[in-house]
Amino acid sequence: MGTDDTQAPAGQQGKDAGPECYSSKSHVHMKHLSQGQFAALKSAERKMLTRVLLLNVLLMFVNYIDRTNLSFAAVQLNRDIGLDHQTYGLGAGLFFCAYASMQVPANMLMAKIGGPIWLGTIGMLWGITAACFASLRSVPQFLALRFLLGVFEAGALPGMWSYLTHFYSRQRITIPLGYLMGSLIVSQALGAPIAAGLMSLDNKGGLRGWQWLFLVEGVLACIVAFAWFFMPRDIDAIRGLTDDERAALHASMSHAAKPSADPVKALVAALKNPAVWIGGGGIKFFRDVGFYGLMYWLPLVIESMLDGSVAPQQRAIYSVLLTAVPFVCSAAAQFLTCWHSQRRNERRWHLASFWAFGVVCLALLPVSQMHHSAAGSFVLLTLGVVGVFGVEGISVSYYLALMGGEKGLGIAVINALGALGGFVGPYLIGALTQKSGNFYGAMWMLAAFLAVAAVNVAVVTEEWASKFSLNPGQSPTVRRASSARLPSTLFGDASMIAAVAAYMPEDEESDSDEQMDLELGAKPEVAAAAAAAAGPAAAITNTSAAAAP
């Protein structure tokens, strides 16, 4: 930790030393810790990188690979077991029916069983289910396994976040969640070459390439899940911490806000808030149609572009490898857009403009294909994917900014409505492609859905939404600053962020920084002096700490 140039008076080195721990270099809001406690906390967190966080990152990686490897396998699988496009789209979307319906029951069970045992168990179950895809022989078996995979994966994402809240306070969880969600980006970028390598084993050992893909990645999930049975359940169970480090971790959690005493009131407020229904039904649903439609059909769309230019026996591997290009570009765009959005403290126009850009590219894609321009079509497809995937972190931060005290349950409602798009998108693409024999209509359909989402984002402002929130007196500025504390402004997969918010206890919000300082035992003039000494960099890096209660 860096040191502040402004020191507290000698009489304040105990109780009031906390604000000096918070500087532009520390990136935290831990005013209730002394400098010694904060140093011990950072030491403990370094040890938790390998003893707590590493297996979370690995489990997230294999979770996302097992969820989406179907899109890569489809270039061989569909022909081998006789899947037409409509049935493939139905199976891809069926996952989300189970996924959406089982999230809440799954996490209720986790609360009873405990994180390590629960996550280890469901990880083993979805790994076994993923490996069973290697034995696919019929359409009913395909549909049943997709539904079962959704059941077992439902509790994974919110479960991992809920587990991390036992070790990191809200003010310290941004970076751990950044690693966790960063693994999603890595899985998108690395999933394609890994799949291509496994599918190149075609006919080795009597197995087709897609069978190797499901088998190896399913077994990998089981191996990672097995290690979870040895994970610590709470701070006291972490091995290798000193007494000071353990005490500092407990102290960092001492100011965590309790869950709302009246969740029914928050739920009713969320259901009454038109911004919640517009955010879920008018924005996220339409966006998810495009997002998951592209995710599950991208390799097949690329394969159709290669028809006639690549030998049939090589087309499957080439299409899988080329799928990595749009995702790598999207990952780069996501970091840049989130950085720029946070720097400007603006979300709505970042989101609307990127989606509008995606609309234009997807709408032009069929025109390029009609002119048999494979290179031009691939460029347009890549840019269209960037337009949809490149603002993931900003999107849910925008949803959260539409709500006040009901945002925890409100974002859950938005995510549930949006999850319907995860079924509709893949299914509609399959139905349209089955009927027409090409992807022209499907791309225009995705562009139309995404256009509705972009227009609604441009129209729905945070100022308008503030009239309907649980805390209608809270200003849009404070609302924006509050949501900026979430890691969605840095990294983000929308479903992950939604899970984060749904299981995150609400802050005890106040529109007065001075009041918060007094509650934590800090004198306002000391905090102000420390903030002034931190310089302009702190104003950018610590926007949420300076503006939010």
Protein backbone atom coordinates (compact mmCIF):
# COMPACT_ATOMS: atom_id res chain seq x y z
CA MET A 1 0.00 0.00 0.00
CA GLY A 2 1.17 3.46 -0.81
CA THR A 3 1.28 6.11 1.88
CA ASP A 4 -0.61 9.35 1.96
CA ASP A 5 1.23 12.62 2.22
CA THR A 6 -1.35 13.81 4.74
CA GLN A 7 -1.03 12.22 8.17
CA ALA A 8 -3.65 12.27 10.90
CA PRO A 9 -2.83 14.10 14.10
CA ALA A 10 -1.15 11.97 16.72
CA GLY A 11 -4.32 11.67 18.77
CA GLN A 12 -6.13 10.14 15.83
CA GLN A 13 -3.68 7.35 15.02
CA GLY A 14 -5.96 4.74 16.54
CA LYS A 15 -9.62 5.18 15.87
CA ASP A 16 -9.27 7.75 13.13
CA ALA A 17 -6.35 6.20 11.28
CA GLY A 18 -8.71 4.41 8.95
CA PRO A 19 -9.11 7.16 6.36
CA GLU A 20 -5.36 7.26 5.79
CA CYS A 21 -5.61 3.64 4.68
CA TYR A 22 -7.81 4.76 1.84
CA SER A 23 -5.90 6.47 -0.94
CA SER A 24 -5.70 6.57 -4.70
CA LYS A 25 -3.19 3.72 -4.49
CA SER A 26 -5.21 1.39 -2.27
CA HIS A 27 -8.40 1.43 -4.37
CA VAL A 28 -10.52 0.46 -1.38
CA HIS A 29 -13.00 1.96 0.98
CA MET A 30 -11.92 0.46 4.31
CA LYS A 31 -12.03 3.45 6.63
CA HIS A 32 -12.62 1.33 9.72
CA LEU A 33 -9.22 -0.45 9.47
CA SER A 34 -5.94 0.82 10.86
CA GLN A 35 -2.85 0.86 8.67
CA GLY A 36 -1.51 -2.26 10.35
CA GLN A 37 -4.79 -4.10 9.83
CA PHE A 38 -4.91 -3.06 6.21
CA ALA A 39 -1.36 -4.32 5.59
CA ALA A 40 -2.31 -7.67 7.16
CA LEU A 41 -5.48 -7.76 5.04
CA LYS A 42 -3.50 -7.33 1.82
CA SER A 43 -1.08 -10.07 2.91
CA ALA A 44 -4.01 -12.40 3.57
CA GLU A 45 -5.54 -11.61 0.20
CA ARG A 46 -2.29 -12.47 -1.56
CA LYS A 47 -2.37 -15.89 0.07
CA MET A 48 -6.04 -16.33 -0.86
CA LEU A 49 -5.17 -15.94 -4.54
CA THR A 50 -4.02 -19.56 -4.60
CA ARG A 51 -5.99 -20.95 -1.65
CA VAL A 52 -9.42 -19.53 -2.46
CA LEU A 53 -9.57 -17.67 -5.75
CA LEU A 54 -7.66 -19.99 -8.10
CA LEU A 55 -10.18 -22.83 -8.02
CA ASN A 56 -13.04 -20.36 -8.48
CA VAL A 57 -11.38 -19.12 -11.66
CA LEU A 58 -10.73 -22.67 -12.92
CA LEU A 59 -14.28 -23.79 -12.16
CA MET A 60 -15.67 -20.75 -13.98
CA PHE A 61 -13.45 -21.51 -16.97
CA VAL A 62 -14.60 -25.12 -17.34
CA ASN A 63 -18.20 -24.12 -16.60
CA TYR A 64 -18.35 -21.73 -19.52
CA ILE A 65 -16.51 -24.12 -21.84
CA ASP A 66 -18.94 -26.95 -21.03
CA ARG A 67 -21.87 -24.59 -21.57
CA THR A 68 -20.83 -23.42 -25.02
CA ASN A 69 -18.78 -26.28 -26.52
CA LEU A 70 -21.94 -27.44 -28.28
CA SER A 71 -21.52 -24.60 -30.77
CA PHE A 72 -18.11 -25.99 -31.82
CA ALA A 73 -19.19 -29.64 -31.83
CA ALA A 74 -22.21 -28.81 -33.99
CA VAL A 75 -20.15 -28.59 -37.19
CA GLN A 76 -19.69 -32.39 -36.97
CA LEU A 77 -22.36 -33.46 -34.49
CA ASN A 78 -25.39 -32.27 -36.45
CA ARG A 79 -24.54 -34.41 -39.46
CA ASP A 80 -23.56 -37.47 -37.43
CA ILE A 81 -26.78 -37.84 -35.43
CA GLY A 82 -29.13 -36.20 -37.92
CA LEU A 83 -29.85 -32.91 -36.13
CA ASP A 84 -31.57 -30.39 -38.36
CA HIS A 85 -31.10 -26.70 -37.67
CA GLN A 86 -34.44 -26.26 -35.92
CA THR A 87 -33.80 -29.12 -33.49
CA TYR A 88 -30.27 -27.91 -32.80
CA GLY A 89 -31.62 -24.45 -31.99
CA LEU A 90 -34.23 -25.97 -29.70
CA GLY A 91 -31.60 -27.94 -27.81
CA ALA A 92 -29.29 -24.94 -27.49
CA GLY A 93 -32.13 -22.86 -26.04
CA LEU A 94 -33.52 -25.64 -23.83
CA PHE A 95 -30.50 -25.24 -21.57
CA PHE A 96 -31.80 -21.79 -20.51
CA CYS A 97 -35.25 -23.08 -19.58
CA ALA A 98 -33.71 -25.30 -16.92
CA TYR A 99 -31.04 -22.74 -16.07
CA ALA A 100 -33.53 -19.96 -15.33
CA SER A 101 -35.98 -22.11 -13.38
CA MET A 102 -33.39 -23.79 -11.13
CA GLN A 103 -31.16 -20.87 -10.06
CA VAL A 104 -33.08 -19.93 -6.92
CA PRO A 105 -33.66 -23.53 -5.67
CA ALA A 106 -30.01 -24.33 -6.34
CA ASN A 107 -28.73 -21.47 -4.24
CA MET A 108 -31.19 -22.21 -1.44
CA LEU A 109 -29.63 -25.66 -1.30
CA MET A 110 -26.15 -24.16 -1.28
CA ALA A 111 -27.06 -22.10 1.78
CA LYS A 112 -27.97 -25.34 3.57
CA ILE A 113 -25.08 -27.51 2.38
CA GLY A 114 -22.19 -25.05 2.17
CA GLY A 115 -20.18 -23.73 -0.76
CA PRO A 116 -17.34 -26.27 -1.17
CA ILE A 117 -19.52 -29.39 -0.99
CA TRP A 118 -22.30 -27.88 -3.12
CA LEU A 119 -20.05 -26.48 -5.86
CA GLY A 120 -17.96 -29.64 -5.89
CA THR A 121 -21.09 -31.77 -6.24
CA ILE A 122 -22.76 -29.81 -9.03
CA GLY A 123 -19.39 -29.46 -10.79
CA MET A 124 -19.02 -33.24 -10.82
CA LEU A 125 -22.62 -33.65 -12.03
CA TRP A 126 -22.36 -31.18 -14.90
CA GLY A 127 -18.94 -32.62 -15.85
CA ILE A 128 -20.43 -36.12 -16.04
CA THR A 129 -23.39 -34.77 -18.02
CA ALA A 130 -21.07 -32.93 -20.42
CA ALA A 131 -19.01 -36.11 -20.92
CA CYS A 132 -22.22 -38.06 -21.62
CA PHE A 133 -22.73 -35.94 -24.73
CA ALA A 134 -19.97 -38.08 -26.27
CA SER A 135 -22.48 -40.97 -26.34
CA LEU A 136 -25.18 -39.05 -28.24
CA ARG A 137 -27.09 -41.21 -30.71
CA SER A 138 -30.56 -39.64 -30.95
CA VAL A 139 -32.46 -36.36 -30.82
CA PRO A 140 -34.37 -37.16 -27.57
CA GLN A 141 -31.07 -37.96 -25.85
CA PHE A 142 -29.64 -34.65 -27.08
CA LEU A 143 -32.59 -32.61 -25.76
CA ALA A 144 -32.63 -34.43 -22.41
CA LEU A 145 -28.90 -33.88 -21.81
CA ARG A 146 -29.13 -30.19 -22.69
CA PHE A 147 -31.93 -29.72 -20.17
CA LEU A 148 -30.03 -31.70 -17.53
CA LEU A 149 -26.89 -29.63 -18.11
CA GLY A 150 -28.93 -26.48 -17.44
CA VAL A 151 -30.22 -27.95 -14.17
CA PHE A 152 -26.73 -28.72 -12.86
CA GLU A 153 -25.09 -25.48 -14.04
CA ALA A 154 -27.85 -23.25 -12.65
CA GLY A 155 -26.25 -22.82 -9.25
CA ALA A 156 -22.66 -22.40 -10.43
CA LEU A 157 -22.27 -18.71 -11.24
CA PRO A 158 -24.23 -17.21 -8.33
CA GLY A 159 -22.86 -19.98 -6.13
CA MET A 160 -19.25 -19.03 -6.78
CA TRP A 161 -19.96 -15.38 -6.11
CA SER A 162 -21.85 -16.19 -2.93
CA TYR A 163 -18.90 -18.31 -1.83
CA LEU A 164 -16.46 -15.44 -2.35
CA THR A 165 -18.55 -13.15 -0.12
CA HIS A 166 -17.46 -15.32 2.83
CA PHE A 167 -13.88 -14.14 2.28
CA TYR A 168 -14.04 -10.67 0.69
CA SER A 169 -16.02 -7.64 1.80
CA ARG A 170 -18.05 -5.71 -0.73
CA GLN A 171 -15.31 -3.08 -0.91
CA ARG A 172 -12.61 -5.68 -1.60
CA ILE A 173 -14.41 -8.07 -3.95
CA THR A 174 -14.05 -6.08 -7.19
CA ILE A 175 -10.60 -7.44 -8.07
CA PRO A 176 -11.44 -11.09 -7.16
CA LEU A 177 -14.57 -10.86 -9.28
CA GLY A 178 -12.46 -9.28 -12.00
CA TYR A 179 -10.30 -12.41 -12.08
CA LEU A 180 -13.39 -14.60 -11.97
CA MET A 181 -15.16 -12.85 -14.83
CA GLY A 182 -11.94 -12.41 -16.73
CA SER A 183 -11.84 -16.20 -16.96
CA LEU A 184 -15.05 -15.99 -19.00
CA ILE A 185 -13.30 -13.80 -21.55
CA VAL A 186 -10.35 -16.22 -21.61
CA SER A 187 -12.68 -19.18 -22.11
CA GLN A 188 -14.26 -17.45 -25.11
CA ALA A 189 -10.86 -16.71 -26.64
CA LEU A 190 -9.25 -20.10 -25.87
CA GLY A 191 -12.34 -22.29 -26.26
CA ALA A 192 -12.13 -22.26 -30.05
CA PRO A 193 -8.48 -23.40 -30.47
CA ILE A 194 -8.93 -25.98 -27.70
CA ALA A 195 -12.01 -27.32 -29.48
CA ALA A 196 -10.20 -27.34 -32.82
CA GLY A 197 -7.33 -29.32 -31.31
CA LEU A 198 -9.65 -31.92 -29.78
CA MET A 199 -11.75 -32.20 -32.93
CA SER A 200 -8.58 -32.81 -34.94
CA LEU A 201 -8.42 -36.18 -33.13
CA ASP A 202 -11.26 -37.28 -35.40
CA ASN A 203 -11.46 -41.08 -35.72
CA LYS A 204 -8.66 -41.61 -33.19
CA GLY A 205 -9.51 -44.47 -30.84
CA GLY A 206 -12.75 -45.03 -32.69
CA LEU A 207 -14.19 -41.67 -31.61
CA ARG A 208 -15.28 -38.72 -33.70
CA GLY A 209 -13.75 -35.31 -33.02
CA TRP A 210 -16.87 -33.96 -31.33
CA GLN A 211 -16.90 -36.98 -29.02
CA TRP A 212 -13.33 -36.23 -27.94
CA LEU A 213 -14.37 -32.63 -27.32
CA PHE A 214 -17.22 -33.49 -24.97
CA LEU A 215 -15.35 -36.31 -23.24
CA VAL A 216 -12.13 -34.42 -22.46
CA GLU A 217 -13.80 -31.18 -21.38
CA GLY A 218 -16.31 -33.07 -19.24
CA VAL A 219 -13.56 -35.01 -17.46
CA LEU A 220 -11.63 -31.77 -16.94
CA ALA A 221 -14.67 -30.29 -15.16
CA CYS A 222 -14.85 -33.35 -12.89
CA ILE A 223 -11.17 -33.00 -11.94
CA VAL A 224 -11.58 -29.31 -11.03
CA ALA A 225 -14.82 -30.04 -9.17
CA PHE A 226 -13.21 -32.81 -7.11
CA ALA A 227 -10.63 -30.35 -5.78
CA TRP A 228 -13.51 -28.23 -4.45
CA PHE A 229 -14.26 -30.76 -1.71
CA PHE A 230 -11.01 -29.63 -0.05
CA MET A 231 -11.73 -25.90 -0.24
CA PRO A 232 -12.17 -23.84 2.98
CA ARG A 233 -15.75 -23.08 3.98
CA ASP A 234 -14.97 -19.82 5.76
CA ILE A 235 -12.10 -17.55 6.86
CA ASP A 236 -11.22 -19.66 9.88
CA ALA A 237 -10.72 -22.72 7.67
CA ILE A 238 -8.08 -21.14 5.41
CA ARG A 239 -4.71 -22.76 6.01
CA GLY A 240 -1.49 -20.82 6.30
CA LEU A 241 -2.84 -17.49 7.58
CA THR A 242 -1.25 -15.79 10.57
CA ASP A 243 -3.43 -14.70 13.49
CA ASP A 244 -3.07 -11.06 12.38
CA GLU A 245 -4.12 -11.87 8.81
CA ARG A 246 -7.13 -13.85 9.98
CA ALA A 247 -8.14 -11.05 12.35
CA ALA A 248 -7.77 -8.47 9.57
CA LEU A 249 -10.04 -10.49 7.29
CA HIS A 250 -12.69 -10.66 10.01
CA ALA A 251 -12.31 -6.93 10.65
CA SER A 252 -12.76 -6.14 6.96
CA MET A 253 -16.10 -7.97 7.03
CA SER A 254 -17.33 -6.25 10.20
CA HIS A 255 -19.05 -3.39 8.35
CA ALA A 256 -20.78 -5.56 5.78
CA ALA A 257 -24.39 -4.50 5.40
CA LYS A 258 -27.01 -7.01 6.42
CA PRO A 259 -29.58 -8.22 3.89
CA SER A 260 -32.78 -6.25 3.77
CA ALA A 261 -35.06 -6.95 6.73
CA ASP A 262 -38.07 -6.74 4.42
CA PRO A 263 -37.29 -8.60 1.17
CA VAL A 264 -41.01 -8.73 0.37
CA LYS A 265 -41.09 -4.94 0.27
CA ALA A 266 -38.08 -4.89 -2.04
CA LEU A 267 -39.62 -7.53 -4.32
CA VAL A 268 -42.93 -5.67 -4.53
CA ALA A 269 -41.07 -2.45 -5.28
CA ALA A 270 -39.09 -4.18 -8.03
CA LEU A 271 -42.24 -5.63 -9.60
CA LYS A 272 -43.97 -2.24 -9.47
CA ASN A 273 -41.03 -0.42 -11.02
CA PRO A 274 -41.62 0.04 -14.78
CA ALA A 275 -37.88 0.46 -15.27
CA VAL A 276 -37.41 -3.16 -14.15
CA TRP A 277 -39.89 -4.45 -16.72
CA ILE A 278 -38.48 -2.26 -19.47
CA GLY A 279 -34.94 -3.25 -18.51
CA GLY A 280 -35.80 -6.96 -18.57
CA GLY A 281 -38.54 -7.29 -21.16
CA GLY A 282 -37.71 -4.31 -23.34
CA ILE A 283 -33.91 -4.38 -23.30
CA LYS A 284 -32.24 -7.49 -21.90
CA PHE A 285 -34.63 -9.95 -23.56
CA PHE A 286 -34.01 -8.44 -27.00
CA ARG A 287 -30.29 -8.20 -26.38
CA ASP A 288 -30.09 -11.84 -25.19
CA VAL A 289 -31.79 -13.04 -28.37
CA GLY A 290 -28.85 -11.61 -30.30
CA PHE A 291 -26.19 -12.54 -27.74
CA TYR A 292 -27.04 -16.24 -27.39
CA GLY A 293 -28.13 -16.56 -30.99
CA LEU A 294 -24.64 -15.60 -32.09
CA MET A 295 -22.92 -17.58 -29.37
CA TYR A 296 -24.49 -20.91 -30.35
CA TRP A 297 -24.56 -20.42 -34.12
CA LEU A 298 -21.29 -18.60 -34.81
CA PRO A 299 -19.22 -21.66 -35.92
CA LEU A 300 -22.02 -22.81 -38.22
CA VAL A 301 -22.39 -19.33 -39.73
CA ILE A 302 -18.63 -19.24 -40.39
CA GLU A 303 -18.76 -22.75 -41.87
CA SER A 304 -21.40 -21.58 -44.35
CA MET A 305 -19.05 -18.77 -45.43
CA LEU A 306 -16.29 -21.29 -46.13
CA ASP A 307 -18.50 -23.43 -48.37
CA GLY A 308 -16.72 -23.82 -51.71
CA SER A 309 -13.44 -22.24 -50.59
CA VAL A 310 -12.23 -24.91 -48.15
CA ALA A 311 -12.20 -28.68 -48.58
CA PRO A 312 -15.15 -30.35 -46.79
CA GLN A 313 -12.88 -32.46 -44.58
CA GLN A 314 -11.08 -29.34 -43.32
CA ARG A 315 -14.07 -27.00 -43.09
CA ALA A 316 -15.07 -28.03 -39.56
CA ILE A 317 -11.64 -27.32 -38.06
CA TYR A 318 -11.24 -24.04 -39.94
CA SER A 319 -14.65 -22.77 -38.86
CA VAL A 320 -13.96 -23.59 -35.21
CA LEU A 321 -10.55 -21.90 -35.29
CA LEU A 322 -11.92 -18.77 -36.97
CA THR A 323 -14.55 -18.48 -34.24
CA ALA A 324 -11.78 -17.32 -31.90
CA VAL A 325 -11.22 -14.12 -33.91
CA PRO A 326 -14.54 -12.37 -33.09
CA PHE A 327 -14.25 -13.34 -29.42
CA VAL A 328 -10.69 -12.08 -29.08
CA CYS A 329 -11.72 -8.78 -30.67
CA SER A 330 -14.75 -8.62 -28.36
CA ALA A 331 -12.57 -9.20 -25.31
CA ALA A 332 -10.29 -6.32 -26.30
CA ALA A 333 -13.30 -4.09 -27.00
CA GLN A 334 -14.85 -4.97 -23.66
CA PHE A 335 -11.84 -3.80 -21.68
CA LEU A 336 -11.58 -0.58 -23.70
CA THR A 337 -15.29 0.28 -23.52
CA CYS A 338 -15.52 -0.44 -19.81
CA TRP A 339 -12.44 1.67 -19.12
CA HIS A 340 -13.80 4.56 -21.18
CA SER A 341 -17.29 4.26 -19.69
CA GLN A 342 -15.95 4.34 -16.14
CA ARG A 343 -13.65 7.24 -16.95
CA ARG A 344 -16.53 9.25 -18.41
CA ASN A 345 -19.05 7.95 -15.85
CA GLU A 346 -21.48 7.35 -18.71
CA ARG A 347 -23.21 4.14 -19.73
CA ARG A 348 -26.37 4.70 -21.73
CA TRP A 349 -24.83 6.08 -24.94
CA HIS A 350 -21.87 3.70 -24.80
CA LEU A 351 -24.35 0.83 -24.73
CA ALA A 352 -26.80 2.16 -27.31
CA SER A 353 -24.10 3.18 -29.80
CA PHE A 354 -22.26 -0.15 -29.65
CA TRP A 355 -25.46 -2.14 -30.10
CA ALA A 356 -26.47 0.15 -32.98
CA PHE A 357 -23.08 -0.54 -34.58
CA GLY A 358 -23.75 -4.28 -34.18
CA VAL A 359 -27.18 -3.83 -35.81
CA VAL A 360 -25.66 -2.21 -38.90
CA CYS A 361 -22.99 -4.91 -39.28
CA LEU A 362 -25.43 -7.81 -38.86
CA ALA A 363 -27.92 -6.22 -41.27
CA LEU A 364 -25.21 -5.81 -43.94
CA LEU A 365 -23.86 -9.34 -43.46
CA PRO A 366 -26.45 -11.11 -45.69
CA VAL A 367 -25.83 -8.55 -48.45
CA SER A 368 -22.13 -9.39 -48.41
CA GLN A 369 -22.92 -13.11 -48.43
CA MET A 370 -25.21 -12.67 -51.44
CA HIS A 371 -22.23 -11.20 -53.29
CA HIS A 372 -20.13 -14.23 -52.26
CA SER A 373 -17.55 -12.14 -50.45
CA ALA A 374 -16.24 -14.51 -47.79
CA ALA A 375 -13.62 -12.07 -46.48
CA GLY A 376 -16.06 -9.17 -46.34
CA SER A 377 -18.70 -11.33 -44.68
CA PHE A 378 -16.26 -12.49 -42.02
CA VAL A 379 -15.21 -8.91 -41.26
CA LEU A 380 -18.85 -7.83 -40.91
CA LEU A 381 -19.60 -10.85 -38.72
CA THR A 382 -16.62 -10.07 -36.49
CA LEU A 383 -17.66 -6.44 -36.12
CA GLY A 384 -21.24 -7.48 -35.44
CA VAL A 385 -20.10 -9.81 -32.65
CA VAL A 386 -17.96 -7.00 -31.20
CA GLY A 387 -21.00 -4.73 -31.24
CA VAL A 388 -23.02 -7.26 -29.23
CA PHE A 389 -20.33 -8.67 -26.91
CA GLY A 390 -18.07 -5.66 -26.51
CA VAL A 391 -20.16 -3.80 -23.90
CA GLU A 392 -21.09 -6.63 -21.54
CA GLY A 393 -19.66 -4.93 -18.49
CA ILE A 394 -21.52 -1.70 -19.17
CA SER A 395 -24.94 -3.27 -19.78
CA VAL A 396 -25.76 -4.53 -16.30
CA SER A 397 -24.19 -1.47 -14.71
CA TYR A 398 -26.80 0.45 -16.72
CA TYR A 399 -29.60 -1.82 -15.44
CA LEU A 400 -28.47 -1.29 -11.85
CA ALA A 401 -28.38 2.47 -12.32
CA LEU A 402 -32.10 2.36 -13.21
CA MET A 403 -32.96 1.14 -9.71
CA GLY A 404 -32.60 2.21 -6.10
CA GLY A 405 -32.96 0.08 -2.98
CA GLU A 406 -34.72 -2.68 -4.91
CA LYS A 407 -31.80 -3.28 -7.29
CA GLY A 408 -30.84 -6.66 -5.79
CA LEU A 409 -34.20 -8.27 -6.54
CA GLY A 410 -34.82 -5.97 -9.49
CA ILE A 411 -31.78 -7.22 -11.38
CA ALA A 412 -32.90 -10.79 -10.67
CA VAL A 413 -36.24 -10.03 -12.35
CA ILE A 414 -34.44 -8.39 -15.28
CA ASN A 415 -32.16 -11.42 -15.64
CA ALA A 416 -35.08 -13.85 -15.51
CA LEU A 417 -36.88 -11.98 -18.29
CA GLY A 418 -33.66 -11.76 -20.28
CA ALA A 419 -33.00 -15.49 -19.93
CA LEU A 420 -36.04 -16.11 -22.14
CA GLY A 421 -34.00 -14.55 -24.93
CA GLY A 422 -31.42 -17.29 -24.41
CA PHE A 423 -34.08 -19.76 -25.54
CA VAL A 424 -35.73 -17.65 -28.24
CA GLY A 425 -32.56 -16.58 -30.06
CA PRO A 426 -31.01 -20.00 -30.83
CA TYR A 427 -34.42 -21.53 -31.57
CA LEU A 428 -35.53 -18.83 -34.01
CA ILE A 429 -32.24 -18.99 -35.89
CA GLY A 430 -32.68 -22.74 -36.26
CA ALA A 431 -36.27 -22.38 -37.46
CA LEU A 432 -35.48 -19.65 -39.99
CA THR A 433 -32.38 -21.42 -41.29
CA GLN A 434 -34.23 -24.72 -41.59
CA LYS A 435 -36.90 -23.05 -43.71
CA SER A 436 -34.69 -20.87 -45.93
CA GLY A 437 -31.51 -22.93 -46.20
CA ASN A 438 -29.32 -19.92 -45.38
CA PHE A 439 -28.58 -17.48 -42.56
CA TYR A 440 -29.83 -14.32 -44.27
CA GLY A 441 -33.16 -14.09 -42.49
CA ALA A 442 -31.58 -15.15 -39.20
CA MET A 443 -29.07 -12.29 -39.29
CA TRP A 444 -31.77 -9.76 -40.13
CA MET A 445 -33.85 -11.14 -37.27
CA LEU A 446 -30.96 -10.73 -34.82
CA ALA A 447 -30.36 -7.19 -36.07
CA ALA A 448 -34.02 -6.32 -35.55
CA PHE A 449 -34.08 -7.62 -31.97
CA LEU A 450 -30.84 -5.84 -31.13
CA ALA A 451 -32.18 -2.61 -32.67
CA VAL A 452 -35.14 -2.67 -30.28
CA ALA A 453 -32.75 -3.06 -27.34
CA ALA A 454 -30.56 -0.18 -28.56
CA VAL A 455 -33.52 2.17 -29.04
CA ASN A 456 -34.93 1.36 -25.60
CA VAL A 457 -31.57 2.03 -23.96
CA ALA A 458 -31.34 5.38 -25.74
CA VAL A 459 -34.85 6.35 -24.59
CA VAL A 460 -34.83 5.11 -20.97
CA THR A 461 -32.81 7.51 -18.81
CA GLU A 462 -31.72 7.11 -15.22
CA GLU A 463 -33.48 10.38 -14.34
CA TRP A 464 -36.80 8.97 -15.53
CA ALA A 465 -36.24 5.65 -13.74
CA SER A 466 -35.42 7.42 -10.44
CA LYS A 467 -39.10 8.40 -10.09
CA PHE A 468 -40.11 4.78 -9.52
CA SER A 469 -37.33 3.38 -7.30
CA LEU A 470 -37.63 2.16 -3.73
CA ASN A 471 -35.61 5.23 -2.70
CA PRO A 472 -37.16 7.89 -4.95
CA GLY A 473 -35.27 10.66 -3.17
CA GLN A 474 -31.90 9.25 -4.22
CA SER A 475 -30.37 11.36 -6.95
CA PRO A 476 -29.30 9.83 -10.29
CA THR A 477 -25.72 10.94 -9.53
CA VAL A 478 -25.65 8.91 -6.32
CA ARG A 479 -27.37 6.02 -8.07
CA ARG A 480 -24.70 6.01 -10.79
CA ALA A 481 -21.90 6.18 -8.24
CA SER A 482 -23.44 3.33 -6.25
CA SER A 483 -23.64 1.04 -9.26
CA ALA A 484 -20.10 2.05 -10.27
CA ARG A 485 -18.84 0.24 -7.16
CA LEU A 486 -19.82 -3.03 -8.79
CA PRO A 487 -17.27 -4.86 -10.93
CA SER A 488 -19.60 -4.61 -13.94
CA THR A 489 -17.83 -1.38 -14.81
CA LEU A 490 -14.56 -3.26 -15.20
CA PHE A 491 -15.29 -6.75 -16.44
CA GLY A 492 -18.40 -8.67 -17.02
CA ASP A 493 -20.60 -11.36 -18.28
CA ALA A 494 -24.17 -10.19 -17.92
CA SER A 495 -25.51 -13.34 -16.32
CA MET A 496 -22.63 -13.34 -13.84
CA ILE A 497 -23.17 -9.73 -12.86
CA ALA A 498 -26.89 -10.36 -12.48
CA ALA A 499 -26.10 -13.23 -10.14
CA VAL A 500 -23.73 -10.97 -8.23
CA ALA A 501 -26.37 -8.32 -7.71
CA ALA A 502 -29.14 -10.78 -6.89
CA TYR A 503 -27.20 -12.27 -3.98
CA MET A 504 -25.50 -9.07 -2.82
CA PRO A 505 -26.71 -7.45 0.40
CA GLU A 506 -27.74 -3.87 -0.07
CA ASP A 507 -25.63 -1.00 1.15
CA GLU A 508 -27.07 1.10 3.92
CA GLU A 509 -27.19 4.11 1.65
CA SER A 510 -27.03 7.73 2.60
CA ASP A 511 -26.63 10.75 0.38
CA SER A 512 -24.10 12.23 2.80
CA ASP A 513 -20.42 11.27 2.74
CA GLU A 514 -19.97 13.21 5.96
CA GLN A 515 -22.59 11.13 7.71
CA MET A 516 -20.84 7.94 6.64
CA ASP A 517 -17.50 9.21 7.91
CA LEU A 518 -19.06 10.02 11.27
CA GLU A 519 -20.64 6.56 11.50
CA LEU A 520 -17.24 4.96 10.92
CA GLY A 521 -15.58 7.12 13.55
CA ALA A 522 -13.70 9.36 11.11
CA LYS A 523 -13.58 13.11 11.26
CA PRO A 524 -14.73 14.70 7.98
CA GLU A 525 -11.79 17.10 7.87
CA VAL A 526 -9.34 14.17 8.06
CA ALA A 527 -11.03 12.32 5.18
CA ALA A 528 -11.16 15.51 3.15
CA ALA A 529 -7.45 16.17 3.72
CA ALA A 530 -6.56 12.62 2.68
CA ALA A 531 -8.68 12.92 -0.48
CA ALA A 532 -7.04 16.24 -1.37
CA ALA A 533 -3.57 14.77 -0.87
CA ALA A 534 -4.38 11.82 -3.12
CA GLY A 535 -4.47 14.12 -6.11
CA PRO A 536 -6.34 14.03 -9.41
CA ALA A 537 -5.70 10.32 -9.94
CA ALA A 538 -7.87 9.51 -6.96
CA ALA A 539 -10.74 11.46 -8.43
CA ILE A 540 -10.76 9.10 -11.39
CA THR A 541 -9.86 5.82 -9.73
CA ASN A 542 -12.02 6.23 -6.68
CA THR A 543 -15.10 7.82 -8.20
CA SER A 544 -17.44 5.55 -6.33
CA ALA A 545 -15.77 6.22 -2.99
CA ALA A 546 -15.87 9.96 -3.44
CA ALA A 547 -19.40 10.20 -4.75
CA ALA A 548 -21.19 7.28 -3.17
CA PRO A 549 -22.17 6.76 0.45
